[in-house]
N, C-alpha and C. Protein backbone atom coordinates (compact mmCIF):
# COMPACT_ATOMS: atom_id res chain seq x y z
N MET A 1 -23.06 6.68 0.06
CA MET A 1 -21.96 5.49 0.36
C MET A 1 -21.13 6.25 1.02
N SER A 2 -20.76 4.64 2.09
CA SER A 2 -19.76 4.90 3.08
C SER A 2 -18.26 5.09 2.28
N LYS A 3 -16.95 6.30 2.50
CA LYS A 3 -15.86 6.25 2.75
C LYS A 3 -14.95 5.10 2.91
N ARG A 4 -15.17 4.43 3.75
CA ARG A 4 -14.40 3.20 3.87
C ARG A 4 -13.92 2.40 3.16
N GLY A 5 -12.83 1.53 2.84
CA GLY A 5 -12.75 0.83 1.98
C GLY A 5 -12.66 1.37 0.39
N VAL A 6 -12.23 2.53 0.01
CA VAL A 6 -12.28 3.16 -1.30
C VAL A 6 -11.02 3.39 -1.56
N PHE A 7 -10.31 3.24 -2.59
CA PHE A 7 -9.01 3.80 -3.24
C PHE A 7 -9.87 4.87 -3.85
N TYR A 8 -9.12 6.20 -3.33
CA TYR A 8 -9.43 7.16 -4.18
C TYR A 8 -8.21 7.26 -4.95
N LYS A 9 -8.79 8.22 -6.26
CA LYS A 9 -8.08 8.26 -7.42
C LYS A 9 -6.86 9.77 -7.01
N SER A 10 -6.61 10.34 -6.11
CA SER A 10 -5.58 11.49 -5.86
C SER A 10 -5.82 11.88 -4.67
N TYR A 11 -4.71 12.79 -4.11
CA TYR A 11 -4.14 13.27 -3.08
C TYR A 11 -3.25 14.23 -2.94
N VAL A 12 -3.31 14.96 -1.97
CA VAL A 12 -2.20 15.40 -1.94
C VAL A 12 -1.00 15.69 -0.91
N PHE A 13 0.53 15.95 -1.54
CA PHE A 13 1.49 15.77 -0.68
C PHE A 13 2.31 16.43 -1.30
N LYS A 14 3.64 17.11 -0.65
CA LYS A 14 4.24 17.80 -1.07
C LYS A 14 5.67 17.29 -1.20
N ASP A 15 6.68 16.25 -1.13
CA ASP A 15 7.50 15.70 -1.48
C ASP A 15 7.39 14.52 -2.02
N ARG A 16 7.38 13.37 -1.32
CA ARG A 16 7.61 12.23 -1.52
C ARG A 16 5.90 11.39 -1.30
N ASP A 17 5.54 10.89 -2.05
CA ASP A 17 4.00 10.00 -1.42
C ASP A 17 4.37 9.24 -0.12
N PRO A 18 3.61 9.51 1.15
CA PRO A 18 3.44 8.83 2.33
C PRO A 18 3.36 7.20 1.81
N ILE A 19 2.20 7.33 0.81
CA ILE A 19 1.90 5.81 0.68
C ILE A 19 3.10 4.41 0.59
N LEU A 20 4.30 5.71 -0.64
CA LEU A 20 5.15 4.46 0.19
C LEU A 20 5.80 4.05 1.30
N ASP A 21 5.76 4.74 2.25
CA ASP A 21 6.18 4.19 3.57
C ASP A 21 5.43 3.34 4.19
N VAL A 22 3.98 3.38 3.78
CA VAL A 22 3.14 2.87 4.62
C VAL A 22 3.07 1.29 3.62
N LEU A 23 3.61 1.35 2.41
CA LEU A 23 3.63 0.05 1.88
C LEU A 23 4.45 -0.75 1.90
N ALA A 24 5.74 0.02 2.53
CA ALA A 24 7.01 -0.67 3.01
C ALA A 24 6.64 -1.06 4.36
N THR A 25 5.94 -0.81 5.12
CA THR A 25 5.52 -1.18 6.31
C THR A 25 4.88 -2.29 6.32
N ALA A 26 3.81 -2.20 5.39
CA ALA A 26 2.79 -3.77 5.45
C ALA A 26 3.70 -4.80 4.52
N ARG A 27 4.38 -4.64 3.76
CA ARG A 27 5.53 -5.87 3.54
C ARG A 27 6.40 -6.59 4.86
N ALA A 28 6.83 -5.26 5.53
CA ALA A 28 7.57 -6.03 6.48
C ALA A 28 6.68 -6.51 7.36
N ASP A 29 5.69 -6.25 7.72
CA ASP A 29 5.02 -6.56 8.54
C ASP A 29 4.24 -8.28 8.05
N GLU A 30 3.79 -8.45 7.01
CA GLU A 30 3.68 -9.27 5.64
C GLU A 30 4.69 -10.70 6.08
N GLY A 31 5.82 -9.84 6.32
CA GLY A 31 6.72 -10.92 6.45
C GLY A 31 7.53 -11.58 5.01
N VAL A 32 7.28 -10.71 3.70
CA VAL A 32 7.45 -11.40 2.49
C VAL A 32 8.58 -10.64 1.64
N THR A 33 8.95 -10.93 0.96
CA THR A 33 10.03 -10.22 -0.11
C THR A 33 9.64 -9.74 -1.59
N PHE A 34 10.34 -8.75 -1.62
CA PHE A 34 10.11 -8.31 -3.18
C PHE A 34 9.60 -9.06 -4.05
N LYS A 35 10.20 -10.29 -4.06
CA LYS A 35 9.96 -11.51 -5.02
C LYS A 35 8.45 -12.08 -5.09
N GLU A 36 8.40 -12.56 -3.98
CA GLU A 36 6.92 -12.84 -3.24
C GLU A 36 6.14 -11.73 -3.47
N THR A 37 5.93 -10.61 -3.58
CA THR A 37 5.28 -9.53 -3.88
C THR A 37 5.20 -9.04 -5.00
N HIS A 38 6.10 -9.42 -6.06
CA HIS A 38 6.22 -9.39 -7.55
C HIS A 38 5.30 -10.53 -8.17
N ALA A 39 5.30 -11.69 -7.14
CA ALA A 39 4.21 -12.59 -8.01
C ALA A 39 3.19 -12.40 -7.44
N ARG A 40 2.55 -11.78 -6.31
CA ARG A 40 1.14 -11.54 -6.49
C ARG A 40 0.69 -10.45 -7.07
N SER A 41 1.42 -9.97 -7.52
CA SER A 41 0.80 -8.17 -7.17
C SER A 41 1.51 -8.07 -9.10
N GLY A 42 2.27 -8.66 -9.36
CA GLY A 42 2.93 -8.14 -10.72
C GLY A 42 3.33 -6.93 -11.23
N VAL A 43 4.03 -5.98 -9.85
CA VAL A 43 4.63 -5.30 -9.99
C VAL A 43 6.06 -5.87 -10.01
N SER A 44 7.01 -5.01 -10.58
CA SER A 44 8.43 -5.61 -10.94
C SER A 44 9.24 -5.47 -9.52
N THR A 45 9.98 -6.02 -9.23
CA THR A 45 11.21 -5.65 -8.13
C THR A 45 11.72 -4.75 -8.07
N SER A 46 12.28 -4.53 -9.36
CA SER A 46 13.14 -3.15 -9.41
C SER A 46 11.97 -1.94 -9.03
N THR A 47 11.04 -1.82 -9.60
CA THR A 47 9.98 -0.93 -9.04
C THR A 47 9.94 -0.79 -7.56
N LEU A 48 9.85 -1.80 -7.03
CA LEU A 48 9.35 -1.90 -5.35
C LEU A 48 10.24 -1.60 -4.53
N ARG A 49 12.20 -2.35 -5.31
CA ARG A 49 12.97 -1.62 -4.17
C ARG A 49 12.98 -0.41 -4.68
N ASN A 50 13.09 0.58 -6.11
CA ASN A 50 13.08 1.63 -6.12
C ASN A 50 11.79 2.33 -4.92
N TRP A 51 10.91 2.06 -5.02
CA TRP A 51 9.86 2.77 -3.49
C TRP A 51 10.41 2.90 -2.79
N GLU A 52 11.41 2.22 -1.78
CA GLU A 52 11.64 1.48 -0.50
C GLU A 52 12.83 2.58 -0.52
N ARG A 53 13.59 2.77 -1.42
CA ARG A 53 15.21 3.37 -1.56
C ARG A 53 14.72 4.56 -1.69
N GLY A 54 13.58 5.06 -2.22
CA GLY A 54 13.32 6.73 -1.88
C GLY A 54 13.34 6.85 -3.93
N LYS A 55 13.89 5.88 -4.47
CA LYS A 55 14.67 6.87 -5.66
C LYS A 55 13.02 7.09 -6.71
N THR A 56 11.92 6.47 -6.12
CA THR A 56 10.59 7.00 -7.05
C THR A 56 9.83 8.09 -5.76
N ARG A 57 9.58 9.15 -6.33
CA ARG A 57 8.51 10.23 -5.46
C ARG A 57 7.31 10.25 -5.98
N ARG A 58 6.88 10.03 -7.06
CA ARG A 58 5.11 9.42 -7.39
C ARG A 58 4.72 8.40 -8.36
N PRO A 59 4.55 7.40 -7.18
CA PRO A 59 4.31 6.12 -8.15
C PRO A 59 2.79 6.28 -8.98
N GLN A 60 2.94 5.51 -9.61
CA GLN A 60 1.59 5.37 -10.84
C GLN A 60 0.35 4.44 -9.47
N PHE A 61 -0.58 5.08 -9.06
CA PHE A 61 -1.82 4.65 -8.56
C PHE A 61 -2.02 2.89 -8.76
N ALA A 62 -2.22 2.56 -10.29
CA ALA A 62 -2.56 1.50 -10.53
C ALA A 62 -1.22 0.44 -9.77
N THR A 63 -0.07 0.72 -9.69
CA THR A 63 0.83 -0.23 -8.93
C THR A 63 0.84 -0.08 -7.75
N VAL A 64 0.30 0.98 -7.25
CA VAL A 64 0.06 1.40 -5.76
C VAL A 64 -1.01 0.54 -5.27
N VAL A 65 -2.03 0.04 -5.83
CA VAL A 65 -3.18 -0.42 -5.62
C VAL A 65 -3.22 -1.92 -5.43
N ALA A 66 -2.19 -2.77 -7.07
CA ALA A 66 -2.04 -3.67 -6.91
C ALA A 66 -1.09 -4.30 -5.84
N VAL A 67 -0.08 -3.64 -5.47
CA VAL A 67 0.53 -4.03 -4.10
C VAL A 67 -0.37 -4.21 -2.61
N ALA A 68 -0.89 -2.98 -2.50
CA ALA A 68 -1.32 -3.18 -1.66
C ALA A 68 -2.51 -4.11 -1.26
N ARG A 69 -2.96 -4.36 -2.45
CA ARG A 69 -4.14 -5.55 -2.34
C ARG A 69 -3.29 -6.72 -1.97
N THR A 70 -2.33 -7.08 -2.56
CA THR A 70 -1.36 -8.62 -1.81
C THR A 70 -1.27 -8.19 -0.70
N TYR A 71 -1.32 -7.06 0.25
CA TYR A 71 -1.20 -7.21 1.62
C TYR A 71 -2.46 -7.42 2.47
N GLY A 72 -3.30 -7.26 1.64
CA GLY A 72 -4.70 -7.48 1.83
C GLY A 72 -5.53 -5.86 2.37
N ALA A 73 -4.83 -4.73 1.68
CA ALA A 73 -5.69 -3.58 1.85
C ALA A 73 -6.94 -3.66 1.06
N THR A 74 -7.55 -2.93 1.50
CA THR A 74 -8.90 -2.86 1.02
C THR A 74 -8.86 -1.14 0.69
N GLY A 75 -8.92 -0.59 1.14
CA GLY A 75 -8.48 0.95 0.90
C GLY A 75 -7.54 1.78 1.85
N PHE A 76 -7.08 2.71 1.83
CA PHE A 76 -6.62 4.29 2.58
C PHE A 76 -7.17 5.00 2.96
N THR A 77 -6.44 5.48 4.67
CA THR A 77 -7.47 6.30 5.08
C THR A 77 -6.48 7.40 5.31
N PHE A 78 -7.08 8.82 4.94
CA PHE A 78 -5.62 9.80 5.11
C PHE A 78 -6.90 10.72 5.64
N SER A 79 -5.64 11.07 7.16
CA SER A 79 -6.26 12.22 7.88
C SER A 79 -5.59 13.40 7.45
N GLY A 80 -6.26 14.29 7.75
CA GLY A 80 -5.54 15.88 7.90
C GLY A 80 -4.44 16.15 7.80
N SER A 81 -3.63 15.30 8.61
CA SER A 81 -2.14 15.69 8.91
C SER A 81 -1.71 15.02 8.39
N GLY A 82 -1.84 14.25 7.27
CA GLY A 82 -0.80 13.68 5.94
C GLY A 82 -0.99 12.18 6.30
N THR A 83 -1.15 11.79 7.61
CA THR A 83 -0.91 10.40 7.78
C THR A 83 -1.51 9.57 6.72
N VAL A 84 -1.09 8.40 5.93
CA VAL A 84 -1.99 7.54 5.36
C VAL A 84 -2.04 6.13 6.26
N ARG A 85 -3.08 5.40 6.56
CA ARG A 85 -3.56 3.97 7.25
C ARG A 85 -3.51 3.28 5.95
N ILE A 86 -3.46 1.90 5.96
CA ILE A 86 -4.21 1.13 5.01
C ILE A 86 -5.01 0.61 5.93
N THR A 87 -6.61 0.39 5.50
CA THR A 87 -7.51 -0.48 5.80
C THR A 87 -7.91 -1.68 5.39
N ARG A 88 -7.24 -2.98 6.13
CA ARG A 88 -7.68 -3.81 5.60
C ARG A 88 -8.58 -4.70 5.71
N ARG A 89 -8.58 -5.80 5.16
CA ARG A 89 -9.93 -6.70 5.36
C ARG A 89 -9.98 -7.25 7.07
N VAL A 90 -11.00 -7.27 7.71
CA VAL A 90 -11.67 -8.02 8.66
C VAL A 90 -11.19 -9.73 8.86
N ARG A 91 -10.52 -10.26 9.50
CA ARG A 91 -10.59 -11.65 9.30
C ARG A 91 -10.98 -12.06 10.70
N PRO A 92 -12.27 -12.90 10.23
CA PRO A 92 -13.05 -13.69 11.47
C PRO A 92 -11.78 -14.57 12.24
N ARG A 93 -12.25 -14.72 13.50
CA ARG A 93 -11.51 -15.60 14.65
C ARG A 93 -11.87 -16.79 14.07
N PRO A 94 -10.76 -17.31 14.23
CA PRO A 94 -10.93 -18.94 14.38
C PRO A 94 -12.22 -19.32 15.53
N ALA A 95 -12.93 -20.67 15.02
CA ALA A 95 -14.15 -21.40 15.87
C ALA A 95 -13.14 -21.57 17.12
N ALA A 96 -13.76 -21.62 18.30
CA ALA A 96 -13.20 -22.11 19.62
C ALA A 96 -13.40 -23.67 19.78
């Protein structure tokens, strides 16, 4: 089975979970507000703000997945250097 597009249950990090920065970037790329993310994912706006302000260090995995899926994520890719990236759906090109 391919590991691509799989949501893993755990991974190792030392301080603050790097997925929080990835999700903040994804939110900015999507151009959505905390309220819009809440409406799509069900995760509270206060939780989302705490993630981006650095108050949360270890988010619950279920909330991370709920938010990531609202941004089109199908999984995460982890490198040996600690870099995390969102794996997204491939969107078909419009017919010419």
